[in-house]
Amino acid sequence: MTDGTLDPERRQVIKNKATGKEIVWTEELSEDLEGHKRNWEDYQSELVNHPKHYLDRKMEAIDIIEMIIEVEKNPKVAYNLSNAIKYLLRFRSKNEPIQDLEKAIWYLNRMIKHVKNEEK
């Protein structure tokens, strides 16, 4: 209603058991919270689908990883190479650059073992 009063049929009083405070729950409030919920879900989706630490280059890590998987015949090599590249691409964007570089080396060392096994 435009005069600031609440239509009794469109409101509900909810009491917070912990604080004892009462909240008047209206249809408008519900719609507003639904909008915020959708915005939060969109934000969470972006964190999952397009993490900031992968967006500072022209290609996302997932695109590079998918290309590696398409061309590398050995799945173990593809896996380890993909993970090494992931850590190399993001090491400056995360809080622990040395840790990401060490993880990349770890995956590269595993990849080397698999490539050496191919040569036997």
PDB file of N, CA and C in Angstrom:
ATOM      1  N   MET A   1       0.839  -1.177   0.000  1.00  0.00           N
ATOM      2  CA  MET A   1       0.000   0.000   0.000  1.00  0.00           C
ATOM      3  C   MET A   1       0.881   1.236   0.000  1.00  0.00           C
ATOM      4  N   THR A   2       0.467   2.258  -0.659  1.00  0.00           N
ATOM      5  CA  THR A   2       1.302   3.442  -0.830  1.00  0.00           C
ATOM      6  C   THR A   2       1.305   4.376   0.361  1.00  0.00           C
ATOM      7  N   ASP A   3       0.337   4.286   1.267  1.00  0.00           N
ATOM      8  CA  ASP A   3       0.284   5.214   2.404  1.00  0.00           C
ATOM      9  C   ASP A   3       1.152   4.763   3.573  1.00  0.00           C
ATOM     10  N   GLY A   4       1.897   3.702   3.410  1.00  0.00           N
ATOM     11  CA  GLY A   4       2.794   3.243   4.445  1.00  0.00           C
ATOM     12  C   GLY A   4       2.168   2.278   5.428  1.00  0.00           C
ATOM     13  N   THR A   5       0.865   2.064   5.347  1.00  0.00           N
ATOM     14  CA  THR A   5       0.238   1.093   6.235  1.00  0.00           C
ATOM     15  C   THR A   5       0.311  -0.279   5.597  1.00  0.00           C
ATOM     16  N   LEU A   6       0.226  -1.287   6.406  1.00  0.00           N
ATOM     17  CA  LEU A   6       0.317  -2.655   5.909  1.00  0.00           C
ATOM     18  C   LEU A   6      -1.064  -3.283   5.863  1.00  0.00           C
ATOM     19  N   ASP A   7      -1.358  -3.887   4.774  1.00  0.00           N
ATOM     20  CA  ASP A   7      -2.589  -4.657   4.639  1.00  0.00           C
ATOM     21  C   ASP A   7      -2.441  -5.882   5.539  1.00  0.00           C
ATOM     22  N   PRO A   8      -3.320  -6.067   6.532  1.00  0.00           N
ATOM     23  CA  PRO A   8      -3.170  -7.183   7.476  1.00  0.00           C
ATOM     24  C   PRO A   8      -3.151  -8.543   6.793  1.00  0.00           C
ATOM     25  N   GLU A   9      -3.757  -8.650   5.624  1.00  0.00           N
ATOM     26  CA  GLU A   9      -3.784  -9.937   4.934  1.00  0.00           C
ATOM     27  C   GLU A   9      -2.484 -10.207   4.186  1.00  0.00           C
ATOM     28  N   ARG A  10      -1.643  -9.197   4.025  1.00  0.00           N
ATOM     29  CA  ARG A  10      -0.398  -9.363   3.281  1.00  0.00           C
ATOM     30  C   ARG A  10       0.823  -9.295   4.192  1.00  0.00           C
ATOM     31  N   ARG A  11       0.636  -9.448   5.491  1.00  0.00           N
ATOM     32  CA  ARG A  11       1.769  -9.372   6.399  1.00  0.00           C
ATOM     33  C   ARG A  11       1.737 -10.524   7.396  1.00  0.00           C
ATOM     34  N   GLN A  12       2.904 -10.791   7.938  1.00  0.00           N
ATOM     35  CA  GLN A  12       3.040 -11.824   8.946  1.00  0.00           C
ATOM     36  C   GLN A  12       4.112 -11.352   9.917  1.00  0.00           C
ATOM     37  N   VAL A  13       3.858 -11.474  11.189  1.00  0.00           N
ATOM     38  CA  VAL A  13       4.840 -11.087  12.196  1.00  0.00           C
ATOM     39  C   VAL A  13       5.609 -12.334  12.609  1.00  0.00           C
ATOM     40  N   ILE A  14       6.920 -12.250  12.486  1.00  0.00           N
ATOM     41  CA  ILE A  14       7.787 -13.361  12.848  1.00  0.00           C
ATOM     42  C   ILE A  14       8.631 -12.909  14.023  1.00  0.00           C
ATOM     43  N   LYS A  15       8.679 -13.718  15.070  1.00  0.00           N
ATOM     44  CA  LYS A  15       9.450 -13.375  16.263  1.00  0.00           C
ATOM     45  C   LYS A  15      10.731 -14.195  16.283  1.00  0.00           C
ATOM     46  N   ASN A  16      11.853 -13.492  16.404  1.00  0.00           N
ATOM     47  CA  ASN A  16      13.152 -14.141  16.520  1.00  0.00           C
ATOM     48  C   ASN A  16      13.253 -14.732  17.914  1.00  0.00           C
ATOM     49  N   LYS A  17      13.368 -16.054  18.010  1.00  0.00           N
ATOM     50  CA  LYS A  17      13.390 -16.720  19.316  1.00  0.00           C
ATOM     51  C   LYS A  17      14.609 -16.340  20.138  1.00  0.00           C
ATOM     52  N   ALA A  18      15.729 -16.077  19.478  1.00  0.00           N
ATOM     53  CA  ALA A  18      16.957 -15.758  20.207  1.00  0.00           C
ATOM     54  C   ALA A  18      16.938 -14.342  20.774  1.00  0.00           C
ATOM     55  N   THR A  19      16.471 -13.379  19.974  1.00  0.00           N
ATOM     56  CA  THR A  19      16.535 -11.977  20.402  1.00  0.00           C
ATOM     57  C   THR A  19      15.215 -11.440  20.906  1.00  0.00           C
ATOM     58  N   GLY A  20      14.117 -12.119  20.563  1.00  0.00           N
ATOM     59  CA  GLY A  20      12.799 -11.640  20.943  1.00  0.00           C
ATOM     60  C   GLY A  20      12.268 -10.537  20.042  1.00  0.00           C
ATOM     61  N   LYS A  21      13.066 -10.099  19.064  1.00  0.00           N
ATOM     62  CA  LYS A  21      12.629  -9.043  18.159  1.00  0.00           C
ATOM     63  C   LYS A  21      11.590  -9.578  17.180  1.00  0.00           C
ATOM     64  N   GLU A  22      10.677  -8.692  16.805  1.00  0.00           N
ATOM     65  CA  GLU A  22       9.655  -9.062  15.837  1.00  0.00           C
ATOM     66  C   GLU A  22       9.968  -8.438  14.485  1.00  0.00           C
ATOM     67  N   ILE A  23       9.768  -9.214  13.448  1.00  0.00           N
ATOM     68  CA  ILE A  23       9.956  -8.753  12.077  1.00  0.00           C
ATOM     69  C   ILE A  23       8.606  -8.853  11.390  1.00  0.00           C
ATOM     70  N   VAL A  24       8.203  -7.780  10.733  1.00  0.00           N
ATOM     71  CA  VAL A  24       6.965  -7.820   9.967  1.00  0.00           C
ATOM     72  C   VAL A  24       7.317  -8.292   8.571  1.00  0.00           C
ATOM     73  N   TRP A  25       6.843  -9.459   8.247  1.00  0.00           N
ATOM     74  CA  TRP A  25       7.130 -10.091   6.966  1.00  0.00           C
ATOM     75  C   TRP A  25       5.996  -9.762   5.996  1.00  0.00           C
ATOM     76  N   THR A  26       6.339  -9.093   4.923  1.00  0.00           N
ATOM     77  CA  THR A  26       5.325  -8.724   3.930  1.00  0.00           C
ATOM     78  C   THR A  26       5.640  -9.394   2.608  1.00  0.00           C
ATOM     79  N   GLU A  27       4.691  -9.389   1.724  1.00  0.00           N
ATOM     80  CA  GLU A  27       4.895  -9.933   0.394  1.00  0.00           C
ATOM     81  C   GLU A  27       6.013  -9.171  -0.329  1.00  0.00           C
ATOM     82  N   GLU A  28       6.036  -7.829  -0.134  1.00  0.00           N
ATOM     83  CA  GLU A  28       7.076  -7.023  -0.769  1.00  0.00           C
ATOM     84  C   GLU A  28       8.459  -7.405  -0.251  1.00  0.00           C
ATOM     85  N   LEU A  29       8.569  -7.627   1.056  1.00  0.00           N
ATOM     86  CA  LEU A  29       9.834  -8.034   1.641  1.00  0.00           C
ATOM     87  C   LEU A  29      10.259  -9.388   1.088  1.00  0.00           C
ATOM     88  N   SER A  30       9.311 -10.283   0.961  1.00  0.00           N
ATOM     89  CA  SER A  30       9.604 -11.599   0.414  1.00  0.00           C
ATOM     90  C   SER A  30      10.139 -11.489  -1.010  1.00  0.00           C
ATOM     91  N   GLU A  31       9.498 -10.656  -1.837  1.00  0.00           N
ATOM     92  CA  GLU A  31       9.950 -10.471  -3.218  1.00  0.00           C
ATOM     93  C   GLU A  31      11.332  -9.850  -3.259  1.00  0.00           C
ATOM     94  N   ASP A  32      11.590  -8.878  -2.362  1.00  0.00           N
ATOM     95  CA  ASP A  32      12.891  -8.232  -2.299  1.00  0.00           C
ATOM     96  C   ASP A  32      13.974  -9.242  -1.920  1.00  0.00           C
ATOM     97  N   LEU A  33      13.690 -10.079  -0.926  1.00  0.00           N
ATOM     98  CA  LEU A  33      14.665 -11.088  -0.497  1.00  0.00           C
ATOM     99  C   LEU A  33      14.900 -12.123  -1.588  1.00  0.00           C
ATOM    100  N   GLU A  34      13.864 -12.468  -2.334  1.00  0.00           N
ATOM    101  CA  GLU A  34      14.034 -13.396  -3.449  1.00  0.00           C
ATOM    102  C   GLU A  34      14.993 -12.813  -4.481  1.00  0.00           C
ATOM    103  N   GLY A  35      14.847 -11.505  -4.739  1.00  0.00           N
ATOM    104  CA  GLY A  35      15.765 -10.837  -5.668  1.00  0.00           C
ATOM    105  C   GLY A  35      17.193 -10.882  -5.176  1.00  0.00           C
ATOM    106  N   HIS A  36      17.390 -10.617  -3.875  1.00  0.00           N
ATOM    107  CA  HIS A  36      18.730 -10.689  -3.302  1.00  0.00           C
ATOM    108  C   HIS A  36      19.264 -12.114  -3.355  1.00  0.00           C
ATOM    109  N   LYS A  37      18.395 -13.087  -3.122  1.00  0.00           N
ATOM    110  CA  LYS A  37      18.808 -14.489  -3.185  1.00  0.00           C
ATOM    111  C   LYS A  37      19.282 -14.835  -4.593  1.00  0.00           C
ATOM    112  N   ARG A  38      18.535 -14.379  -5.610  1.00  0.00           N
ATOM    113  CA  ARG A  38      18.951 -14.641  -6.996  1.00  0.00           C
ATOM    114  C   ARG A  38      20.288 -13.971  -7.292  1.00  0.00           C
ATOM    115  N   ASN A  39      20.470 -12.716  -6.813  1.00  0.00           N
ATOM    116  CA  ASN A  39      21.745 -12.032  -7.024  1.00  0.00           C
ATOM    117  C   ASN A  39      22.878 -12.789  -6.346  1.00  0.00           C
ATOM    118  N   TRP A  40      22.645 -13.285  -5.122  1.00  0.00           N
ATOM    119  CA  TRP A  40      23.655 -14.057  -4.400  1.00  0.00           C
ATOM    120  C   TRP A  40      23.973 -15.345  -5.154  1.00  0.00           C
ATOM    121  N   GLU A  41      22.962 -16.021  -5.668  1.00  0.00           N
ATOM    122  CA  GLU A  41      23.187 -17.255  -6.422  1.00  0.00           C
ATOM    123  C   GLU A  41      23.978 -16.969  -7.692  1.00  0.00           C
ATOM    124  N   ASP A  42      23.669 -15.850  -8.366  1.00  0.00           N
ATOM    125  CA  ASP A  42      24.430 -15.464  -9.554  1.00  0.00           C
ATOM    126  C   ASP A  42      25.893 -15.202  -9.186  1.00  0.00           C
ATOM    127  N   TYR A  43      26.103 -14.503  -8.055  1.00  0.00           N
ATOM    128  CA  TYR A  43      27.455 -14.204  -7.583  1.00  0.00           C
ATOM    129  C   TYR A  43      28.209 -15.496  -7.276  1.00  0.00           C
ATOM    130  N   GLN A  44      27.552 -16.411  -6.565  1.00  0.00           N
ATOM    131  CA  GLN A  44      28.184 -17.690  -6.240  1.00  0.00           C
ATOM    132  C   GLN A  44      28.510 -18.472  -7.505  1.00  0.00           C
ATOM    133  N   SER A  45      27.603 -18.426  -8.471  1.00  0.00           N
ATOM    134  CA  SER A  45      27.820 -19.108  -9.738  1.00  0.00           C
ATOM    135  C   SER A  45      29.058 -18.551 -10.444  1.00  0.00           C
ATOM    136  N   GLU A  46      29.215 -17.234 -10.426  1.00  0.00           N
ATOM    137  CA  GLU A  46      30.378 -16.619 -11.044  1.00  0.00           C
ATOM    138  C   GLU A  46      31.662 -17.045 -10.334  1.00  0.00           C
ATOM    139  N   LEU A  47      31.612 -17.166  -9.003  1.00  0.00           N
ATOM    140  CA  LEU A  47      32.792 -17.615  -8.269  1.00  0.00           C
ATOM    141  C   LEU A  47      33.197 -19.017  -8.691  1.00  0.00           C
ATOM    142  N   VAL A  48      32.213 -19.838  -9.000  1.00  0.00           N
ATOM    143  CA  VAL A  48      32.479 -21.216  -9.408  1.00  0.00           C
ATOM    144  C   VAL A  48      32.832 -21.289 -10.889  1.00  0.00           C
ATOM    145  N   ASN A  49      32.045 -20.635 -11.728  1.00  0.00           N
ATOM    146  CA  ASN A  49      32.207 -20.767 -13.173  1.00  0.00           C
ATOM    147  C   ASN A  49      33.313 -19.900 -13.756  1.00  0.00           C
ATOM    148  N   HIS A  50      33.585 -18.775 -13.149  1.00  0.00           N
ATOM    149  CA  HIS A  50      34.600 -17.858 -13.664  1.00  0.00           C
ATOM    150  C   HIS A  50      35.369 -17.207 -12.509  1.00  0.00           C
ATOM    151  N   PRO A  51      36.197 -17.999 -11.799  1.00  0.00           N
ATOM    152  CA  PRO A  51      36.928 -17.435 -10.665  1.00  0.00           C
ATOM    153  C   PRO A  51      37.821 -16.273 -11.100  1.00  0.00           C
ATOM    154  N   LYS A  52      37.885 -15.247 -10.266  1.00  0.00           N
ATOM    155  CA  LYS A  52      38.639 -14.043 -10.584  1.00  0.00           C
ATOM    156  C   LYS A  52      40.103 -14.351 -10.880  1.00  0.00           C
ATOM    157  N   HIS A  53      40.688 -15.318 -10.161  1.00  0.00           N
ATOM    158  CA  HIS A  53      42.103 -15.599 -10.357  1.00  0.00           C
ATOM    159  C   HIS A  53      42.410 -16.293 -11.682  1.00  0.00           C
ATOM    160  N   TYR A  54      41.382 -16.575 -12.487  1.00  0.00           N
ATOM    161  CA  TYR A  54      41.619 -17.109 -13.822  1.00  0.00           C
ATOM    162  C   TYR A  54      41.196 -16.142 -14.922  1.00  0.00           C
ATOM    163  N   LEU A  55      40.671 -14.981 -14.568  1.00  0.00           N
ATOM    164  CA  LEU A  55      40.094 -14.088 -15.567  1.00  0.00           C
ATOM    165  C   LEU A  55      41.018 -12.965 -16.022  1.00  0.00           C
ATOM    166  N   ASP A  56      42.233 -12.920 -15.560  1.00  0.00           N
ATOM    167  CA  ASP A  56      43.101 -11.815 -15.933  1.00  0.00           C
ATOM    168  C   ASP A  56      43.936 -12.112 -17.181  1.00  0.00           C
ATOM    169  N   ARG A  57      43.482 -13.030 -17.984  1.00  0.00           N
ATOM    170  CA  ARG A  57      44.155 -13.332 -19.252  1.00  0.00           C
ATOM    171  C   ARG A  57      43.116 -13.526 -20.349  1.00  0.00           C
ATOM    172  N   LYS A  58      43.576 -13.660 -21.573  1.00  0.00           N
ATOM    173  CA  LYS A  58      42.639 -13.744 -22.696  1.00  0.00           C
ATOM    174  C   LYS A  58      41.885 -15.067 -22.746  1.00  0.00           C
ATOM    175  N   MET A  59      42.481 -16.114 -22.212  1.00  0.00           N
ATOM    176  CA  MET A  59      41.816 -17.422 -22.174  1.00  0.00           C
ATOM    177  C   MET A  59      41.739 -17.880 -20.726  1.00  0.00           C
ATOM    178  N   GLU A  60      40.657 -18.544 -20.389  1.00  0.00           N
ATOM    179  CA  GLU A  60      40.540 -19.119 -19.055  1.00  0.00           C
ATOM    180  C   GLU A  60      41.300 -20.442 -19.023  1.00  0.00           C
ATOM    181  N   ALA A  61      41.723 -20.811 -17.828  1.00  0.00           N
ATOM    182  CA  ALA A  61      42.474 -22.054 -17.658  1.00  0.00           C
ATOM    183  C   ALA A  61      41.689 -23.247 -18.181  1.00  0.00           C
ATOM    184  N   ILE A  62      40.387 -23.260 -17.977  1.00  0.00           N
ATOM    185  CA  ILE A  62      39.585 -24.408 -18.414  1.00  0.00           C
ATOM    186  C   ILE A  62      39.653 -24.589 -19.925  1.00  0.00           C
ATOM    187  N   ASP A  63      39.719 -23.487 -20.677  1.00  0.00           N
ATOM    188  CA  ASP A  63      39.824 -23.590 -22.137  1.00  0.00           C
ATOM    189  C   ASP A  63      41.147 -24.220 -22.549  1.00  0.00           C
ATOM    190  N   ILE A  64      42.215 -23.824 -21.874  1.00  0.00           N
ATOM    191  CA  ILE A  64      43.531 -24.401 -22.167  1.00  0.00           C
ATOM    192  C   ILE A  64      43.560 -25.872 -21.783  1.00  0.00           C
ATOM    193  N   ILE A  65      42.996 -26.196 -20.623  1.00  0.00           N
ATOM    194  CA  ILE A  65      42.971 -27.585 -20.150  1.00  0.00           C
ATOM    195  C   ILE A  65      42.179 -28.466 -21.115  1.00  0.00           C
ATOM    196  N   GLU A  66      41.054 -27.987 -21.584  1.00  0.00           N
ATOM    197  CA  GLU A  66      40.260 -28.773 -22.532  1.00  0.00           C
ATOM    198  C   GLU A  66      41.023 -29.001 -23.836  1.00  0.00           C
ATOM    199  N   MET A  67      41.823 -28.024 -24.275  1.00  0.00           N
ATOM    200  CA  MET A  67      42.638 -28.217 -25.482  1.00  0.00           C
ATOM    201  C   MET A  67      43.696 -29.288 -25.243  1.00  0.00           C
ATOM    202  N   ILE A  68      44.303 -29.275 -24.064  1.00  0.00           N
ATOM    203  CA  ILE A  68      45.315 -30.282 -23.742  1.00  0.00           C
ATOM    204  C   ILE A  68      44.695 -31.677 -23.770  1.00  0.00           C
ATOM    205  N   ILE A  69      43.526 -31.805 -23.179  1.00  0.00           N
ATOM    206  CA  ILE A  69      42.853 -33.106 -23.127  1.00  0.00           C
ATOM    207  C   ILE A  69      42.542 -33.614 -24.534  1.00  0.00           C
ATOM    208  N   GLU A  70      42.212 -32.697 -25.430  1.00  0.00           N
ATOM    209  CA  GLU A  70      41.899 -33.101 -26.808  1.00  0.00           C
ATOM    210  C   GLU A  70      43.124 -33.606 -27.561  1.00  0.00           C
ATOM    211  N   VAL A  71      44.295 -33.029 -27.305  1.00  0.00           N
ATOM    212  CA  VAL A  71      45.466 -33.378 -28.114  1.00  0.00           C
ATOM    213  C   VAL A  71      46.412 -34.379 -27.456  1.00  0.00           C
ATOM    214  N   GLU A  72      46.438 -34.457 -26.141  1.00  0.00           N
ATOM    215  CA  GLU A  72      47.373 -35.361 -25.459  1.00  0.00           C
ATOM    216  C   GLU A  72      46.803 -36.771 -25.421  1.00  0.00           C
ATOM    217  N   LYS A  73      47.567 -37.712 -25.959  1.00  0.00           N
ATOM    218  CA  LYS A  73      47.067 -39.089 -26.059  1.00  0.00           C
ATOM    219  C   LYS A  73      47.090 -39.843 -24.729  1.00  0.00           C
ATOM    220  N   ASN A  74      48.010 -39.488 -23.831  1.00  0.00           N
ATOM    221  CA  ASN A  74      48.129 -40.169 -22.545  1.00  0.00           C
ATOM    222  C   ASN A  74      47.307 -39.394 -21.500  1.00  0.00           C
ATOM    223  N   PRO A  75      46.244 -39.994 -20.979  1.00  0.00           N
ATOM    224  CA  PRO A  75      45.399 -39.268 -20.019  1.00  0.00           C
ATOM    225  C   PRO A  75      46.132 -38.851 -18.741  1.00  0.00           C
ATOM    226  N   LYS A  76      47.117 -39.647 -18.305  1.00  0.00           N
ATOM    227  CA  LYS A  76      47.866 -39.275 -17.102  1.00  0.00           C
ATOM    228  C   LYS A  76      48.742 -38.056 -17.358  1.00  0.00           C
ATOM    229  N   VAL A  77      49.322 -37.989 -18.531  1.00  0.00           N
ATOM    230  CA  VAL A  77      50.120 -36.814 -18.897  1.00  0.00           C
ATOM    231  C   VAL A  77      49.209 -35.597 -19.032  1.00  0.00           C
ATOM    232  N   ALA A  78      48.067 -35.777 -19.673  1.00  0.00           N
ATOM    233  CA  ALA A  78      47.118 -34.669 -19.845  1.00  0.00           C
ATOM    234  C   ALA A  78      46.662 -34.129 -18.489  1.00  0.00           C
ATOM    235  N   TYR A  79      46.374 -35.034 -17.578  1.00  0.00           N
ATOM    236  CA  TYR A  79      45.911 -34.623 -16.248  1.00  0.00           C
ATOM    237  C   TYR A  79      46.976 -33.808 -15.523  1.00  0.00           C
ATOM    238  N   ASN A  80      48.189 -34.342 -15.479  1.00  0.00           N
ATOM    239  CA  ASN A  80      49.256 -33.667 -14.746  1.00  0.00           C
ATOM    240  C   ASN A  80      49.673 -32.355 -15.416  1.00  0.00           C
ATOM    241  N   LEU A  81      49.729 -32.338 -16.728  1.00  0.00           N
ATOM    242  CA  LEU A  81      50.050 -31.110 -17.448  1.00  0.00           C
ATOM    243  C   LEU A  81      48.979 -30.052 -17.212  1.00  0.00           C
ATOM    244  N   SER A  82      47.739 -30.467 -17.249  1.00  0.00           N
ATOM    245  CA  SER A  82      46.629 -29.534 -17.016  1.00  0.00           C
ATOM    246  C   SER A  82      46.705 -28.911 -15.630  1.00  0.00           C
ATOM    247  N   ASN A  83      46.975 -29.713 -14.639  1.00  0.00           N
ATOM    248  CA  ASN A  83      47.075 -29.175 -13.278  1.00  0.00           C
ATOM    249  C   ASN A  83      48.284 -28.255 -13.125  1.00  0.00           C
ATOM    250  N   ALA A  84      49.402 -28.627 -13.736  1.00  0.00           N
ATOM    251  CA  ALA A  84      50.590 -27.760 -13.668  1.00  0.00           C
ATOM    252  C   ALA A  84      50.284 -26.407 -14.305  1.00  0.00           C
ATOM    253  N   ILE A  85      49.651 -26.425 -15.461  1.00  0.00           N
ATOM    254  CA  ILE A  85      49.308 -25.172 -16.139  1.00  0.00           C
ATOM    255  C   ILE A  85      48.341 -24.351 -15.304  1.00  0.00           C
ATOM    256  N   LYS A  86      47.364 -25.013 -14.698  1.00  0.00           N
ATOM    257  CA  LYS A  86      46.404 -24.309 -13.839  1.00  0.00           C
ATOM    258  C   LYS A  86      47.135 -23.523 -12.754  1.00  0.00           C
ATOM    259  N   TYR A  87      48.069 -24.182 -12.074  1.00  0.00           N
ATOM    260  CA  TYR A  87      48.793 -23.511 -10.998  1.00  0.00           C
ATOM    261  C   TYR A  87      49.732 -22.429 -11.529  1.00  0.00           C
ATOM    262  N   LEU A  88      50.333 -22.654 -12.685  1.00  0.00           N
ATOM    263  CA  LEU A  88      51.208 -21.637 -13.267  1.00  0.00           C
ATOM    264  C   LEU A  88      50.422 -20.399 -13.700  1.00  0.00           C
ATOM    265  N   LEU A  89      49.237 -20.599 -14.214  1.00  0.00           N
ATOM    266  CA  LEU A  89      48.437 -19.471 -14.667  1.00  0.00           C
ATOM    267  C   LEU A  89      47.943 -18.591 -13.518  1.00  0.00           C
ATOM    268  N   ARG A  90      47.736 -19.186 -12.375  1.00  0.00           N
ATOM    269  CA  ARG A  90      47.118 -18.416 -11.293  1.00  0.00           C
ATOM    270  C   ARG A  90      48.069 -18.008 -10.173  1.00  0.00           C
ATOM    271  N   PHE A  91      49.339 -18.378 -10.253  1.00  0.00           N
ATOM    272  CA  PHE A  91      50.210 -18.200  -9.090  1.00  0.00           C
ATOM    273  C   PHE A  91      50.339 -16.750  -8.631  1.00  0.00           C
ATOM    274  N   ARG A  92      50.238 -15.791  -9.504  1.00  0.00           N
ATOM    275  CA  ARG A  92      50.329 -14.384  -9.111  1.00  0.00           C
ATOM    276  C   ARG A  92      48.998 -13.841  -8.593  1.00  0.00           C
ATOM    277  N   SER A  93      47.920 -14.555  -8.835  1.00  0.00           N
ATOM    278  CA  SER A  93      46.593 -14.066  -8.461  1.00  0.00           C
ATOM    279  C   SER A  93      46.104 -14.596  -7.129  1.00  0.00           C
ATOM    280  N   LYS A  94      46.819 -15.517  -6.547  1.00  0.00           N
ATOM    281  CA  LYS A  94      46.406 -16.107  -5.279  1.00  0.00           C
ATOM    282  C   LYS A  94      47.321 -15.598  -4.170  1.00  0.00           C
ATOM    283  N   ASN A  95      46.975 -15.923  -2.932  1.00  0.00           N
ATOM    284  CA  ASN A  95      47.734 -15.429  -1.785  1.00  0.00           C
ATOM    285  C   ASN A  95      49.041 -16.171  -1.542  1.00  0.00           C
ATOM    286  N   GLU A  96      49.180 -17.350  -2.123  1.00  0.00           N
ATOM    287  CA  GLU A  96      50.363 -18.178  -1.868  1.00  0.00           C
ATOM    288  C   GLU A  96      51.082 -18.501  -3.177  1.00  0.00           C
ATOM    289  N   PRO A  97      51.804 -17.549  -3.780  1.00  0.00           N
ATOM    290  CA  PRO A  97      52.413 -17.811  -5.089  1.00  0.00           C
ATOM    291  C   PRO A  97      53.440 -18.945  -5.064  1.00  0.00           C
ATOM    292  N   ILE A  98      54.250 -19.008  -4.032  1.00  0.00           N
ATOM    293  CA  ILE A  98      55.268 -20.065  -3.963  1.00  0.00           C
ATOM    294  C   ILE A  98      54.604 -21.434  -3.864  1.00  0.00           C
ATOM    295  N   GLN A  99      53.547 -21.526  -3.077  1.00  0.00           N
ATOM    296  CA  GLN A  99      52.836 -22.797  -2.939  1.00  0.00           C
ATOM    297  C   GLN A  99      52.269 -23.242  -4.287  1.00  0.00           C
ATOM    298  N   ASP A 100      51.699 -22.314  -5.058  1.00  0.00           N
ATOM    299  CA  ASP A 100      51.168 -22.682  -6.371  1.00  0.00           C
ATOM    300  C   ASP A 100      52.289 -23.109  -7.311  1.00  0.00           C
ATOM    301  N   LEU A 101      53.435 -22.449  -7.252  1.00  0.00           N
ATOM    302  CA  LEU A 101      54.570 -22.849  -8.093  1.00  0.00           C
ATOM    303  C   LEU A 101      55.087 -24.232  -7.691  1.00  0.00           C
ATOM    304  N   GLU A 102      55.116 -24.493  -6.391  1.00  0.00           N
ATOM    305  CA  GLU A 102      55.552 -25.824  -5.924  1.00  0.00           C
ATOM    306  C   GLU A 102      54.569 -26.911  -6.354  1.00  0.00           C
ATOM    307  N   LYS A 103      53.286 -26.594  -6.341  1.00  0.00           N
ATOM    308  CA  LYS A 103      52.293 -27.561  -6.811  1.00  0.00           C
ATOM    309  C   LYS A 103      52.484 -27.828  -8.299  1.00  0.00           C
ATOM    310  N   ALA A 104      52.769 -26.780  -9.063  1.00  0.00           N
ATOM    311  CA  ALA A 104      53.011 -26.958 -10.501  1.00  0.00           C
ATOM    312  C   ALA A 104      54.210 -27.889 -10.718  1.00  0.00           C
ATOM    313  N   ILE A 105      55.278 -27.681  -9.968  1.00  0.00           N
ATOM    314  CA  ILE A 105      56.469 -28.541 -10.079  1.00  0.00           C
ATOM    315  C   ILE A 105      56.114 -29.974  -9.718  1.00  0.00           C
ATOM    316  N   TRP A 106      55.309 -30.152  -8.678  1.00  0.00           N
ATOM    317  CA  TRP A 106      54.914 -31.498  -8.256  1.00  0.00           C
ATOM    318  C   TRP A 106      54.207 -32.220  -9.408  1.00  0.00           C
ATOM    319  N   TYR A 107      53.259 -31.521 -10.053  1.00  0.00           N
ATOM    320  CA  TYR A 107      52.546 -32.136 -11.174  1.00  0.00           C
ATOM    321  C   TYR A 107      53.469 -32.367 -12.368  1.00  0.00           C
ATOM    322  N   LEU A 108      54.400 -31.460 -12.618  1.00  0.00           N
ATOM    323  CA  LEU A 108      55.345 -31.657 -13.719  1.00  0.00           C
ATOM    324  C   LEU A 108      56.235 -32.865 -13.467  1.00  0.00           C
ATOM    325  N   ASN A 109      56.676 -33.055 -12.218  1.00  0.00           N
ATOM    326  CA  ASN A 109      57.496 -34.226 -11.889  1.00  0.00           C
ATOM    327  C   ASN A 109      56.724 -35.528 -12.114  1.00  0.00           C
ATOM    328  N   ARG A 110      55.452 -35.540 -11.744  1.00  0.00           N
ATOM    329  CA  ARG A 110      54.619 -36.733 -12.001  1.00  0.00           C
ATOM    330  C   ARG A 110      54.473 -36.955 -13.501  1.00  0.00           C
ATOM    331  N   MET A 111      54.280 -35.882 -14.242  1.00  0.00           N
ATOM    332  CA  MET A 111      54.146 -35.986 -15.689  1.00  0.00           C
ATOM    333  C   MET A 111      55.426 -36.559 -16.306  1.00  0.00           C
ATOM    334  N   ILE A 112      56.581 -36.120 -15.835  1.00  0.00           N
ATOM    335  CA  ILE A 112      57.860 -36.631 -16.336  1.00  0.00           C
ATOM    336  C   ILE A 112      57.948 -38.135 -16.138  1.00  0.00           C
ATOM    337  N   LYS A 113      57.522 -38.631 -14.971  1.00  0.00           N
ATOM    338  CA  LYS A 113      57.528 -40.078 -14.723  1.00  0.00           C
ATOM    339  C   LYS A 113      56.670 -40.818 -15.743  1.00  0.00           C
ATOM    340  N   HIS A 114      55.502 -40.271 -16.057  1.00  0.00           N
ATOM    341  CA  HIS A 114      54.612 -40.933 -17.015  1.00  0.00           C
ATOM    342  C   HIS A 114      55.198 -40.905 -18.424  1.00  0.00           C
ATOM    343  N   VAL A 115      55.839 -39.815 -18.785  1.00  0.00           N
ATOM    344  CA  VAL A 115      56.467 -39.724 -20.118  1.00  0.00           C
ATOM    345  C   VAL A 115      57.650 -40.702 -20.196  1.00  0.00           C
ATOM    346  N   LYS A 116      58.424 -40.822 -19.118  1.00  0.00           N
ATOM    347  CA  LYS A 116      59.540 -41.773 -19.099  1.00  0.00           C
ATOM    348  C   LYS A 116      59.030 -43.201 -19.233  1.00  0.00           C
ATOM    349  N   ASN A 117      57.883 -43.503 -18.599  1.00  0.00           N
ATOM    350  CA  ASN A 117      57.304 -44.851 -18.716  1.00  0.00           C
ATOM    351  C   ASN A 117      56.862 -45.150 -20.146  1.00  0.00           C
ATOM    352  N   GLU A 118      56.482 -44.143 -20.895  1.00  0.00           N
ATOM    353  CA  GLU A 118      56.089 -44.333 -22.288  1.00  0.00           C
ATOM    354  C   GLU A 118      57.282 -44.748 -23.152  1.00  0.00           C
ATOM    355  N   GLU A 119      58.456 -44.281 -22.753  1.00  0.00           N
ATOM    356  CA  GLU A 119      59.658 -44.536 -23.538  1.00  0.00           C
ATOM    357  C   GLU A 119      60.218 -45.936 -23.317  1.00  0.00           C
ATOM    358  N   LYS A 120      59.759 -46.628 -22.301  1.00  0.00           N
ATOM    359  CA  LYS A 120      60.274 -47.982 -21.990  1.00  0.00           C
ATOM    360  C   LYS A 120      59.717 -49.003 -22.922  1.00  0.00           C
TER     361      LYS A 120
END
